[in-house]
């Protein structure tokens, strides 16, 4: 069946596409130059699908959701290196097999406008959190549910100013104590936004 479209949003989520299945959708023109938001969550895609997407002309693509696909560190790094993804502002990579070192490598080449990122369910630990803390653009929204965040990593996020513009932060399921979660409310914009800790 054709993808769900609303404006310039293409929803190919939950179709159980493999890399070959997605290539067929791409060949049919389901994703193209007018696509602004693309949801590929809940499929069976690997970094090969990201390579195929990267061959397209996607000048308006600003939001990409890949939740639940086994793209891993290699796929994440491709998103930083391929020109088709340079204008991304929002990226959701929940449960995709990303690690701390992989996230660090990606953020060194990440799209410059990227300020909304979800990494829920990836074991990035403090190595990954340290890289998030150093991201020059800072974060508007950040999903860090069940990522191995420790009090030390949380303190680094706060002290570096990475959360100064953040209006949504999810740090639930990391086993953080109350003192640590209270500290995450200190950045000004977080205080007027939302912090999820449970």
C-alpha atoms as a PDB file:
ATOM      1  CA  UNK A   1       0.000   0.000   0.000  1.00  0.00           C
ATOM      2  CA  UNK A   2       1.104   3.599  -0.544  1.00  0.00           C
ATOM      3  CA  UNK A   3       2.570   5.474   2.418  1.00  0.00           C
ATOM      4  CA  UNK A   4       0.486   7.723   4.613  1.00  0.00           C
ATOM      5  CA  UNK A   5       1.020  11.337   3.561  1.00  0.00           C
ATOM      6  CA  UNK A   6      -0.041  14.535   5.234  1.00  0.00           C
ATOM      7  CA  UNK A   7       1.413  17.604   3.557  1.00  0.00           C
ATOM      8  CA  UNK A   8       5.105  16.928   3.159  1.00  0.00           C
ATOM      9  CA  UNK A   9       5.159  14.259   5.862  1.00  0.00           C
ATOM     10  CA  UNK A  10       5.736  10.662   4.746  1.00  0.00           C
ATOM     11  CA  UNK A  11       4.825   7.883   7.179  1.00  0.00           C
ATOM     12  CA  UNK A  12       6.303   4.480   6.372  1.00  0.00           C
ATOM     13  CA  UNK A  13       6.312   3.341  10.002  1.00  0.00           C
ATOM     14  CA  UNK A  14       5.397  -0.126  11.232  1.00  0.00           C
ATOM     15  CA  UNK A  15       5.366  -1.716   7.767  1.00  0.00           C
ATOM     16  CA  UNK A  16       8.117  -4.243   8.608  1.00  0.00           C
ATOM     17  CA  UNK A  17      10.031  -3.143   5.526  1.00  0.00           C
ATOM     18  CA  UNK A  18      13.432  -4.691   4.980  1.00  0.00           C
ATOM     19  CA  UNK A  19      16.142  -2.763   3.131  1.00  0.00           C
ATOM     20  CA  UNK A  20      14.908  -4.263  -0.164  1.00  0.00           C
ATOM     21  CA  UNK A  21      11.308  -3.315   0.620  1.00  0.00           C
ATOM     22  CA  UNK A  22      12.241   0.265   1.355  1.00  0.00           C
ATOM     23  CA  UNK A  23      14.273   0.488  -1.847  1.00  0.00           C
ATOM     24  CA  UNK A  24      11.092  -0.415  -3.761  1.00  0.00           C
ATOM     25  CA  UNK A  25       9.182   2.382  -1.994  1.00  0.00           C
ATOM     26  CA  UNK A  26      11.964   4.810  -2.826  1.00  0.00           C
ATOM     27  CA  UNK A  27      11.991   3.693  -6.468  1.00  0.00           C
ATOM     28  CA  UNK A  28       8.225   4.333  -6.557  1.00  0.00           C
ATOM     29  CA  UNK A  29       8.879   7.948  -5.589  1.00  0.00           C
ATOM     30  CA  UNK A  30       7.327   7.785  -2.126  1.00  0.00           C
ATOM     31  CA  UNK A  31      10.123   9.960  -0.731  1.00  0.00           C
ATOM     32  CA  UNK A  32      11.439  12.934  -2.664  1.00  0.00           C
ATOM     33  CA  UNK A  33      12.449  16.590  -2.806  1.00  0.00           C
ATOM     34  CA  UNK A  34       9.266  17.839  -1.087  1.00  0.00           C
ATOM     35  CA  UNK A  35       9.592  15.471   1.897  1.00  0.00           C
ATOM     36  CA  UNK A  36      10.097  17.398   5.139  1.00  0.00           C
ATOM     37  CA  UNK A  37       9.300  14.719   7.728  1.00  0.00           C
ATOM     38  CA  UNK A  38       9.971  11.010   7.299  1.00  0.00           C
ATOM     39  CA  UNK A  39       8.917   8.300   9.771  1.00  0.00           C
ATOM     40  CA  UNK A  40      10.545   4.899   9.226  1.00  0.00           C
ATOM     41  CA  UNK A  41      10.088   3.570  12.768  1.00  0.00           C
ATOM     42  CA  UNK A  42       9.161  -0.036  13.432  1.00  0.00           C
ATOM     43  CA  UNK A  43      10.687  -1.554  10.309  1.00  0.00           C
ATOM     44  CA  UNK A  44      13.621  -3.945   9.797  1.00  0.00           C
ATOM     45  CA  UNK A  45      16.058  -1.509   8.254  1.00  0.00           C
ATOM     46  CA  UNK A  46      19.847  -1.359   8.478  1.00  0.00           C
ATOM     47  CA  UNK A  47      22.424   1.209   7.479  1.00  0.00           C
ATOM     48  CA  UNK A  48      21.930   0.057   3.856  1.00  0.00           C
ATOM     49  CA  UNK A  49      18.576   1.840   3.859  1.00  0.00           C
ATOM     50  CA  UNK A  50      20.194   5.049   5.069  1.00  0.00           C
ATOM     51  CA  UNK A  51      22.710   4.784   2.249  1.00  0.00           C
ATOM     52  CA  UNK A  52      19.822   4.430  -0.213  1.00  0.00           C
ATOM     53  CA  UNK A  53      18.044   7.448   1.288  1.00  0.00           C
ATOM     54  CA  UNK A  54      21.279   9.386   1.126  1.00  0.00           C
ATOM     55  CA  UNK A  55      21.323   8.964  -2.654  1.00  0.00           C
ATOM     56  CA  UNK A  56      18.081  10.950  -2.943  1.00  0.00           C
ATOM     57  CA  UNK A  57      17.645  14.693  -3.292  1.00  0.00           C
ATOM     58  CA  UNK A  58      16.072  15.635   0.059  1.00  0.00           C
ATOM     59  CA  UNK A  59      16.656  19.401   0.403  1.00  0.00           C
ATOM     60  CA  UNK A  60      13.719  19.938   2.782  1.00  0.00           C
ATOM     61  CA  UNK A  61      14.105  16.891   5.047  1.00  0.00           C
ATOM     62  CA  UNK A  62      14.255  18.276   8.585  1.00  0.00           C
ATOM     63  CA  UNK A  63      12.847  15.419  10.682  1.00  0.00           C
ATOM     64  CA  UNK A  64      13.707  11.707  10.563  1.00  0.00           C
ATOM     65  CA  UNK A  65      12.402   8.933  12.827  1.00  0.00           C
ATOM     66  CA  UNK A  66      14.212   5.578  12.793  1.00  0.00           C
ATOM     67  CA  UNK A  67      13.065   4.103  16.134  1.00  0.00           C
ATOM     68  CA  UNK A  68      13.335   0.324  16.413  1.00  0.00           C
ATOM     69  CA  UNK A  69      15.519  -0.247  13.345  1.00  0.00           C
ATOM     70  CA  UNK A  70      18.915  -1.956  13.618  1.00  0.00           C
ATOM     71  CA  UNK A  71      20.889   0.875  12.035  1.00  0.00           C
ATOM     72  CA  UNK A  72      23.490   1.003  14.842  1.00  0.00           C
ATOM     73  CA  UNK A  73      26.554   3.202  15.025  1.00  0.00           C
ATOM     74  CA  UNK A  74      27.384   2.777  11.333  1.00  0.00           C
ATOM     75  CA  UNK A  75      23.953   4.025  10.277  1.00  0.00           C
ATOM     76  CA  UNK A  76      24.100   6.951  12.666  1.00  0.00           C
ATOM     77  CA  UNK A  77      27.488   7.978  11.292  1.00  0.00           C
ATOM     78  CA  UNK A  78      26.099   7.856   7.742  1.00  0.00           C
ATOM     79  CA  UNK A  79      23.446  10.377   8.800  1.00  0.00           C
ATOM     80  CA  UNK A  80      26.210  12.774   9.732  1.00  0.00           C
ATOM     81  CA  UNK A  81      28.251  12.257   6.579  1.00  0.00           C
ATOM     82  CA  UNK A  82      25.700  12.134   3.747  1.00  0.00           C
ATOM     83  CA  UNK A  83      24.613  15.488   2.253  1.00  0.00           C
ATOM     84  CA  UNK A  84      20.945  14.425   2.083  1.00  0.00           C
ATOM     85  CA  UNK A  85      20.737  14.663   5.884  1.00  0.00           C
ATOM     86  CA  UNK A  86      22.679  17.918   6.482  1.00  0.00           C
ATOM     87  CA  UNK A  87      19.522  19.955   7.167  1.00  0.00           C
ATOM     88  CA  UNK A  88      18.102  17.636   9.862  1.00  0.00           C
ATOM     89  CA  UNK A  89      16.850  19.459  12.960  1.00  0.00           C
ATOM     90  CA  UNK A  90      15.061  16.491  14.552  1.00  0.00           C
ATOM     91  CA  UNK A  91      16.318  12.901  14.750  1.00  0.00           C
ATOM     92  CA  UNK A  92      14.750  10.043  16.672  1.00  0.00           C
ATOM     93  CA  UNK A  93      16.968   6.978  17.074  1.00  0.00           C
ATOM     94  CA  UNK A  94      15.296   5.123  19.977  1.00  0.00           C
ATOM     95  CA  UNK A  95      16.306   1.455  20.329  1.00  0.00           C
ATOM     96  CA  UNK A  96      18.574   1.408  17.278  1.00  0.00           C
ATOM     97  CA  UNK A  97      21.745  -0.099  18.764  1.00  0.00           C
ATOM     98  CA  UNK A  98      23.673   3.158  19.110  1.00  0.00           C
ATOM     99  CA  UNK A  99      26.590   3.177  21.606  1.00  0.00           C
ATOM    100  CA  UNK A 100      28.485   5.968  23.347  1.00  0.00           C
ATOM    101  CA  UNK A 101      31.483   5.849  20.978  1.00  0.00           C
ATOM    102  CA  UNK A 102      29.144   5.749  17.963  1.00  0.00           C
ATOM    103  CA  UNK A 103      27.250   8.790  19.208  1.00  0.00           C
ATOM    104  CA  UNK A 104      30.533  10.604  19.828  1.00  0.00           C
ATOM    105  CA  UNK A 105      31.670   9.949  16.239  1.00  0.00           C
ATOM    106  CA  UNK A 106      28.303  11.102  14.879  1.00  0.00           C
ATOM    107  CA  UNK A 107      28.227  14.339  16.845  1.00  0.00           C
ATOM    108  CA  UNK A 108      31.639  15.268  15.417  1.00  0.00           C
ATOM    109  CA  UNK A 109      30.002  15.394  11.950  1.00  0.00           C
ATOM    110  CA  UNK A 110      26.342  15.938  12.885  1.00  0.00           C
ATOM    111  CA  UNK A 111      24.031  18.222  10.908  1.00  0.00           C
ATOM    112  CA  UNK A 112      24.689  21.740  12.244  1.00  0.00           C
ATOM    113  CA  UNK A 113      20.999  22.525  12.891  1.00  0.00           C
ATOM    114  CA  UNK A 114      20.340  19.310  14.862  1.00  0.00           C
ATOM    115  CA  UNK A 115      18.839  20.350  18.215  1.00  0.00           C
ATOM    116  CA  UNK A 116      16.156  17.679  18.795  1.00  0.00           C
ATOM    117  CA  UNK A 117      17.411  14.172  19.483  1.00  0.00           C
ATOM    118  CA  UNK A 118      15.918  11.019  20.975  1.00  0.00           C
ATOM    119  CA  UNK A 119      18.233   8.176  21.962  1.00  0.00           C
ATOM    120  CA  UNK A 120      15.865   6.297  24.279  1.00  0.00           C
ATOM    121  CA  UNK A 121      16.826   2.680  24.924  1.00  0.00           C
ATOM    122  CA  UNK A 122      20.378   2.926  23.544  1.00  0.00           C
ATOM    123  CA  UNK A 123      23.288   2.113  25.860  1.00  0.00           C
ATOM    124  CA  UNK A 124      25.243   5.337  25.349  1.00  0.00           C
ATOM    125  CA  UNK A 125      26.325   5.732  29.004  1.00  0.00           C
ATOM    126  CA  UNK A 126      28.391   8.664  30.180  1.00  0.00           C
ATOM    127  CA  UNK A 127      30.626   8.450  27.099  1.00  0.00           C
ATOM    128  CA  UNK A 128      27.672   9.396  24.911  1.00  0.00           C
ATOM    129  CA  UNK A 129      26.356  11.930  27.408  1.00  0.00           C
ATOM    130  CA  UNK A 130      29.762  13.650  27.422  1.00  0.00           C
ATOM    131  CA  UNK A 131      29.490  14.044  23.642  1.00  0.00           C
ATOM    132  CA  UNK A 132      25.950  15.431  24.002  1.00  0.00           C
ATOM    133  CA  UNK A 133      27.260  17.926  26.553  1.00  0.00           C
ATOM    134  CA  UNK A 134      29.823  19.233  24.069  1.00  0.00           C
ATOM    135  CA  UNK A 135      27.339  19.729  21.192  1.00  0.00           C
ATOM    136  CA  UNK A 136      27.792  23.381  20.212  1.00  0.00           C
ATOM    137  CA  UNK A 137      24.199  23.993  19.120  1.00  0.00           C
ATOM    138  CA  UNK A 138      22.806  22.779  22.463  1.00  0.00           C
ATOM    139  CA  UNK A 139      19.539  20.893  22.712  1.00  0.00           C
ATOM    140  CA  UNK A 140      15.897  21.943  22.445  1.00  0.00           C
ATOM    141  CA  UNK A 141      14.544  18.448  23.139  1.00  0.00           C
ATOM    142  CA  UNK A 142      16.521  15.456  24.344  1.00  0.00           C
ATOM    143  CA  UNK A 143      15.299  11.889  24.924  1.00  0.00           C
ATOM    144  CA  UNK A 144      17.612   9.958  27.226  1.00  0.00           C
ATOM    145  CA  UNK A 145      15.262   7.359  28.696  1.00  0.00           C
ATOM    146  CA  UNK A 146      17.104   4.166  29.719  1.00  0.00           C
ATOM    147  CA  UNK A 147      20.489   5.109  28.253  1.00  0.00           C
ATOM    148  CA  UNK A 148      22.772   4.413  31.216  1.00  0.00           C
ATOM    149  CA  UNK A 149      22.899   8.030  32.378  1.00  0.00           C
ATOM    150  CA  UNK A 150      24.640   8.421  35.751  1.00  0.00           C
ATOM    151  CA  UNK A 151      24.656  11.352  38.206  1.00  0.00           C
ATOM    152  CA  UNK A 152      28.099  12.322  36.862  1.00  0.00           C
ATOM    153  CA  UNK A 153      26.788  12.453  33.290  1.00  0.00           C
ATOM    154  CA  UNK A 154      23.712  14.423  34.345  1.00  0.00           C
ATOM    155  CA  UNK A 155      25.901  16.956  36.164  1.00  0.00           C
ATOM    156  CA  UNK A 156      28.004  17.397  33.031  1.00  0.00           C
ATOM    157  CA  UNK A 157      24.901  18.038  30.916  1.00  0.00           C
ATOM    158  CA  UNK A 158      23.869  20.815  33.301  1.00  0.00           C
ATOM    159  CA  UNK A 159      27.301  22.385  33.864  1.00  0.00           C
ATOM    160  CA  UNK A 160      28.229  22.676  30.165  1.00  0.00           C
ATOM    161  CA  UNK A 161      25.105  24.636  29.252  1.00  0.00           C
ATOM    162  CA  UNK A 162      23.961  21.960  26.781  1.00  0.00           C
ATOM    163  CA  UNK A 163      20.459  22.176  28.286  1.00  0.00           C
ATOM    164  CA  UNK A 164      20.182  25.958  28.475  1.00  0.00           C
ATOM    165  CA  UNK A 165      17.674  26.073  25.576  1.00  0.00           C
ATOM    166  CA  UNK A 166      16.067  22.718  26.350  1.00  0.00           C
ATOM    167  CA  UNK A 167      12.295  22.636  26.784  1.00  0.00           C
ATOM    168  CA  UNK A 168      11.865  18.831  26.935  1.00  0.00           C
ATOM    169  CA  UNK A 169      14.166  16.319  28.621  1.00  0.00           C
ATOM    170  CA  UNK A 170      13.377  12.661  29.323  1.00  0.00           C
ATOM    171  CA  UNK A 171      15.830  10.926  31.683  1.00  0.00           C
ATOM    172  CA  UNK A 172      13.480   8.267  33.092  1.00  0.00           C
ATOM    173  CA  UNK A 173      14.579   4.671  33.690  1.00  0.00           C
ATOM    174  CA  UNK A 174      18.191   5.595  34.440  1.00  0.00           C
ATOM    175  CA  UNK A 175      17.965   5.023  38.196  1.00  0.00           C
ATOM    176  CA  UNK A 176      18.887   8.624  39.010  1.00  0.00           C
ATOM    177  CA  UNK A 177      18.454   9.845  42.575  1.00  0.00           C
ATOM    178  CA  UNK A 178      16.285  12.812  43.558  1.00  0.00           C
ATOM    179  CA  UNK A 179      19.234  15.192  44.002  1.00  0.00           C
ATOM    180  CA  UNK A 180      20.376  14.466  40.444  1.00  0.00           C
ATOM    181  CA  UNK A 181      16.937  14.852  38.894  1.00  0.00           C
ATOM    182  CA  UNK A 182      16.368  18.106  40.787  1.00  0.00           C
ATOM    183  CA  UNK A 183      19.615  19.473  39.317  1.00  0.00           C
ATOM    184  CA  UNK A 184      18.294  18.844  35.808  1.00  0.00           C
ATOM    185  CA  UNK A 185      15.581  21.457  36.425  1.00  0.00           C
ATOM    186  CA  UNK A 186      18.128  24.251  36.995  1.00  0.00           C
ATOM    187  CA  UNK A 187      18.668  25.451  33.411  1.00  0.00           C
ATOM    188  CA  UNK A 188      16.257  28.338  32.833  1.00  0.00           C
ATOM    189  CA  UNK A 189      14.346  26.991  29.853  1.00  0.00           C
ATOM    190  CA  UNK A 190      14.034  23.546  31.440  1.00  0.00           C
ATOM    191  CA  UNK A 191      12.272  25.209  34.372  1.00  0.00           C
ATOM    192  CA  UNK A 192       9.587  26.446  31.993  1.00  0.00           C
ATOM    193  CA  UNK A 193       9.554  23.189  30.051  1.00  0.00           C
ATOM    194  CA  UNK A 194       9.253  19.523  30.925  1.00  0.00           C
ATOM    195  CA  UNK A 195      11.632  17.075  32.580  1.00  0.00           C
ATOM    196  CA  UNK A 196      10.516  13.436  32.756  1.00  0.00           C
ATOM    197  CA  UNK A 197      12.304  11.501  35.475  1.00  0.00           C
ATOM    198  CA  UNK A 198      10.049   8.476  36.154  1.00  0.00           C
END
